[in-house]
Amino acid sequence: MTETRWLDEEEQRTWRSFLIASRLLFDRLERDLKEEADLSFTYYEILTRLSEAPGRSMRMANLAAACVFDRSRLSHAVDRLVRDGWVRRVPSPSDARGQLAELTDEGMEQVRQAAPRHAEQVRALMFDRLTREQQEALREISEALATGMVDVRKLITMGWPSQ
């Protein structure tokens, strides 16, 4: 059995700072989206990804990869968005077994209404607090962490890091 590699004091401080900042950021963004647009962060991410996709539609498997959701979680979320009239499921023209998630006009309107406030919140909570050099370092660190946890082929499928 290998010996446990415990975090030293600096690593523990770094880990806890990262954890606290991540939780605070996502909790605040979630709360703001709920208050301003009655949307969860999860639903907003799905709607946004679809709004940016060609034809406002994506294969469900690709959408799951882009949002870093397992297929079951995505399927449940899309079901809710279908019930709200913001997304529809469409059979894939290239694969009889596949399905596309397609953003409706109502869903696009939801994104248009929520996006300006959300973008301003992201800017205020993150980008306005960091220098360009810190932003670049954060992006590089985030890419290194993600690459270590996700199959690189999935990252390429998701359009990493451009999307």
Protein backbone atom coordinates (compact mmCIF):
# COMPACT_ATOMS: atom_id res chain seq x y z
CA MET A 1 0.00 0.00 0.00
CA THR A 2 1.31 3.45 -0.93
CA GLU A 3 1.74 6.17 1.61
CA THR A 4 -0.79 9.02 1.59
CA ARG A 5 0.57 12.21 0.09
CA TRP A 6 -0.95 14.78 2.45
CA LEU A 7 -1.20 18.41 1.44
CA ASP A 8 1.41 20.67 2.98
CA GLU A 9 0.38 23.98 4.55
CA GLU A 10 0.68 26.02 1.33
CA GLU A 11 -1.16 23.39 -0.72
CA GLN A 12 -3.93 23.31 1.90
CA ARG A 13 -4.26 27.12 1.77
CA THR A 14 -4.36 27.02 -2.04
CA TRP A 15 -6.94 24.23 -2.08
CA ARG A 16 -9.21 25.93 0.45
CA SER A 17 -8.93 29.32 -1.27
CA PHE A 18 -9.85 27.73 -4.61
CA LEU A 19 -12.74 25.79 -3.05
CA ILE A 20 -14.16 28.82 -1.24
CA ALA A 21 -13.83 31.14 -4.25
CA SER A 22 -15.41 28.56 -6.59
CA ARG A 23 -18.34 27.91 -4.28
CA LEU A 24 -18.96 31.58 -3.58
CA LEU A 25 -18.81 32.46 -7.28
CA PHE A 26 -21.16 29.72 -8.45
CA ASP A 27 -23.55 30.18 -5.53
CA ARG A 28 -23.78 33.90 -6.29
CA LEU A 29 -24.28 33.35 -10.03
CA GLU A 30 -26.93 30.71 -9.30
CA ARG A 31 -28.77 33.01 -6.89
CA ASP A 32 -28.63 35.95 -9.30
CA LEU A 33 -29.92 33.89 -12.24
CA LYS A 34 -32.78 32.59 -10.08
CA GLU A 35 -33.71 36.11 -8.90
CA GLU A 36 -33.31 37.88 -12.24
CA ALA A 37 -34.46 35.27 -14.75
CA ASP A 38 -35.99 32.41 -12.73
CA LEU A 39 -33.31 30.12 -14.21
CA SER A 40 -30.85 27.77 -12.61
CA PHE A 41 -27.22 27.99 -13.70
CA THR A 42 -27.62 24.51 -15.25
CA TYR A 43 -30.57 25.54 -17.41
CA TYR A 44 -28.90 28.80 -18.36
CA GLU A 45 -25.79 26.92 -19.51
CA ILE A 46 -27.85 24.57 -21.68
CA LEU A 47 -29.84 27.40 -23.23
CA THR A 48 -26.68 29.43 -23.86
CA ARG A 49 -24.84 26.52 -25.48
CA LEU A 50 -27.81 25.95 -27.78
CA SER A 51 -28.08 29.66 -28.60
CA GLU A 52 -24.44 29.63 -29.76
CA ALA A 53 -24.71 26.40 -31.80
CA PRO A 54 -25.30 26.38 -35.57
CA GLY A 55 -29.04 26.23 -36.15
CA ARG A 56 -29.51 26.62 -32.37
CA SER A 57 -29.36 22.83 -32.03
CA MET A 58 -26.90 20.18 -30.86
CA ARG A 59 -26.82 16.43 -30.58
CA MET A 60 -27.70 15.51 -27.01
CA ALA A 61 -24.36 13.71 -26.56
CA ASN A 62 -22.42 16.77 -27.73
CA LEU A 63 -24.49 19.07 -25.54
CA ALA A 64 -23.79 16.86 -22.54
CA ALA A 65 -20.05 16.97 -23.28
CA ALA A 66 -20.10 20.75 -23.82
CA CYS A 67 -21.85 21.32 -20.48
CA VAL A 68 -19.76 18.63 -18.75
CA PHE A 69 -22.93 16.79 -17.66
CA ASP A 70 -23.55 13.09 -17.72
CA ARG A 71 -26.23 12.13 -20.23
CA SER A 72 -28.82 11.33 -17.57
CA ARG A 73 -28.48 14.74 -15.92
CA LEU A 74 -28.70 16.47 -19.29
CA SER A 75 -31.73 14.43 -20.29
CA HIS A 76 -33.61 15.41 -17.11
CA ALA A 77 -32.69 19.06 -17.56
CA VAL A 78 -33.73 19.07 -21.23
CA ASP A 79 -37.04 17.42 -20.27
CA ARG A 80 -37.71 20.36 -17.95
CA LEU A 81 -36.75 22.87 -20.63
CA VAL A 82 -39.05 21.09 -23.10
CA ARG A 83 -41.92 21.36 -20.58
CA ASP A 84 -41.19 25.10 -20.28
CA GLY A 85 -41.30 25.45 -24.08
CA TRP A 86 -37.68 26.65 -24.33
CA VAL A 87 -36.21 23.55 -26.00
CA ARG A 88 -37.59 20.81 -28.22
CA ARG A 89 -36.20 17.36 -28.92
CA VAL A 90 -35.79 16.56 -32.60
CA PRO A 91 -34.73 13.25 -34.18
CA SER A 92 -31.23 13.42 -35.63
CA PRO A 93 -31.32 13.48 -39.43
CA SER A 94 -27.97 11.65 -39.59
CA ASP A 95 -28.57 9.00 -36.91
CA ALA A 96 -31.94 7.32 -36.33
CA ARG A 97 -31.01 6.60 -32.69
CA GLY A 98 -29.74 10.11 -31.92
CA GLN A 99 -31.64 13.17 -30.83
CA LEU A 100 -30.99 16.86 -31.12
CA ALA A 101 -31.88 19.47 -28.55
CA GLU A 102 -33.11 22.57 -30.36
CA LEU A 103 -33.62 25.99 -28.82
CA THR A 104 -37.09 27.42 -29.47
CA ASP A 105 -37.79 31.10 -30.10
CA GLU A 106 -39.11 31.31 -26.53
CA GLY A 107 -35.88 29.79 -25.24
CA MET A 108 -33.83 32.25 -27.27
CA GLU A 109 -35.82 35.09 -25.77
CA GLN A 110 -35.08 33.72 -22.30
CA VAL A 111 -31.35 33.78 -23.10
CA ARG A 112 -31.59 37.32 -24.51
CA GLN A 113 -33.24 38.52 -21.33
CA ALA A 114 -30.88 36.75 -18.90
CA ALA A 115 -27.55 37.13 -20.71
CA PRO A 116 -26.80 40.85 -20.19
CA ARG A 117 -27.22 40.71 -16.41
CA HIS A 118 -25.37 37.40 -16.18
CA ALA A 119 -22.45 38.71 -18.25
CA GLU A 120 -22.26 41.80 -16.05
CA GLN A 121 -22.25 39.62 -12.93
CA VAL A 122 -19.45 37.42 -14.29
CA ARG A 123 -17.48 40.54 -15.18
CA ALA A 124 -18.02 42.16 -11.76
CA LEU A 125 -17.39 39.02 -9.70
CA MET A 126 -14.42 37.71 -11.67
CA PHE A 127 -12.85 39.69 -14.50
CA ASP A 128 -12.95 43.13 -12.89
CA ARG A 129 -11.03 41.69 -9.92
CA LEU A 130 -8.23 40.19 -12.00
CA THR A 131 -5.48 41.70 -14.11
CA ARG A 132 -5.05 40.44 -17.70
CA GLU A 133 -2.06 38.43 -16.49
CA GLN A 134 -4.13 36.83 -13.72
CA GLN A 135 -6.91 36.06 -16.21
CA GLU A 136 -4.42 34.36 -18.49
CA ALA A 137 -2.94 32.41 -15.57
CA LEU A 138 -6.43 31.36 -14.43
CA ARG A 139 -7.30 30.17 -17.94
CA GLU A 140 -4.07 28.17 -18.19
CA ILE A 141 -4.60 26.65 -14.74
CA SER A 142 -8.23 25.81 -15.54
CA GLU A 143 -7.23 24.16 -18.83
CA ALA A 144 -4.51 22.13 -17.07
CA LEU A 145 -6.95 20.97 -14.38
CA ALA A 146 -9.70 20.09 -16.86
CA THR A 147 -7.32 18.26 -19.19
CA GLY A 148 -6.24 16.13 -16.25
CA MET A 149 -9.81 15.11 -15.47
CA VAL A 150 -11.47 14.74 -18.86
CA ASP A 151 -10.46 12.68 -21.85
CA VAL A 152 -8.73 15.09 -24.24
CA ARG A 153 -10.90 13.81 -27.12
CA LYS A 154 -13.98 15.01 -25.22
CA LEU A 155 -12.37 18.40 -24.71
CA ILE A 156 -11.77 18.68 -28.44
CA THR A 157 -15.39 17.65 -29.14
CA MET A 158 -16.54 20.39 -26.76
CA GLY A 159 -14.46 22.93 -28.65
CA TRP A 160 -12.10 23.48 -25.72
CA PRO A 161 -11.13 26.12 -24.88
CA SER A 162 -12.88 28.32 -27.43
CA GLN A 163 -16.38 27.45 -26.23
